[in-house]
Protein backbone atom coordinates (compact mmCIF):
# COMPACT_ATOMS: atom_id res chain seq x y z
CA MET A 1 -0.02 -0.05 0.08
CA GLU A 2 2.93 2.32 1.12
CA THR A 3 4.55 2.09 -2.55
CA PHE A 4 1.10 2.41 -4.25
CA LEU A 5 0.79 5.81 -2.53
CA GLU A 6 4.62 6.69 -3.29
CA LEU A 7 3.88 6.07 -6.79
CA ILE A 8 0.65 7.97 -6.87
CA ARG A 9 2.52 10.87 -5.30
CA GLU A 10 5.44 10.67 -7.98
CA ILE A 11 2.77 10.72 -10.93
CA SER A 12 1.24 13.36 -9.41
CA LYS A 13 4.42 15.37 -9.06
CA GLY A 14 5.14 14.67 -12.69
CA ILE A 15 2.07 16.05 -14.29
CA VAL A 16 2.19 19.21 -12.10
CA ARG A 17 5.34 19.70 -12.97
CA GLU A 18 4.60 19.40 -16.66
CA ILE A 19 1.57 21.37 -16.35
CA ALA A 20 3.74 24.33 -14.61
CA ALA A 21 6.30 24.23 -17.46
CA HIS A 22 3.73 24.37 -20.28
CA VAL A 23 1.96 27.53 -18.46
CA PHE A 24 5.20 29.20 -17.98
CA ARG A 25 6.49 28.29 -21.62
CA LYS A 26 3.38 29.70 -22.95
CA ASN A 27 3.40 32.77 -20.86
CA VAL A 28 7.03 33.35 -21.60
CA LEU A 29 6.46 32.79 -25.10
CA ASP A 30 3.29 35.38 -25.16
CA ASN A 31 5.55 38.11 -23.33
CA LYS A 32 8.20 37.65 -25.96
CA LYS A 33 5.75 38.30 -28.61
CA THR A 34 3.90 41.11 -27.23
CA THR A 35 7.52 42.87 -26.39
CA GLN A 36 8.71 42.30 -29.92
CA ARG A 37 5.55 43.63 -31.64
CA VAL A 38 5.62 46.89 -29.25
CA LEU A 39 9.48 47.56 -29.83
CA HIS A 40 9.30 46.66 -33.35
CA PRO A 41 5.98 47.93 -35.31
CA LYS A 42 5.80 46.95 -38.72
CA ASN A 43 4.21 50.02 -40.12
């Protein structure tokens, strides 16, 4: 039972880490896009 709980804990840690990385990456890319648009207008 203890090993099963450990396994569940590790899986959930991995999922949370992946979600956090995805959100972080998305936010960083969005920020870069907006700053590039502001700094370099295409007009």
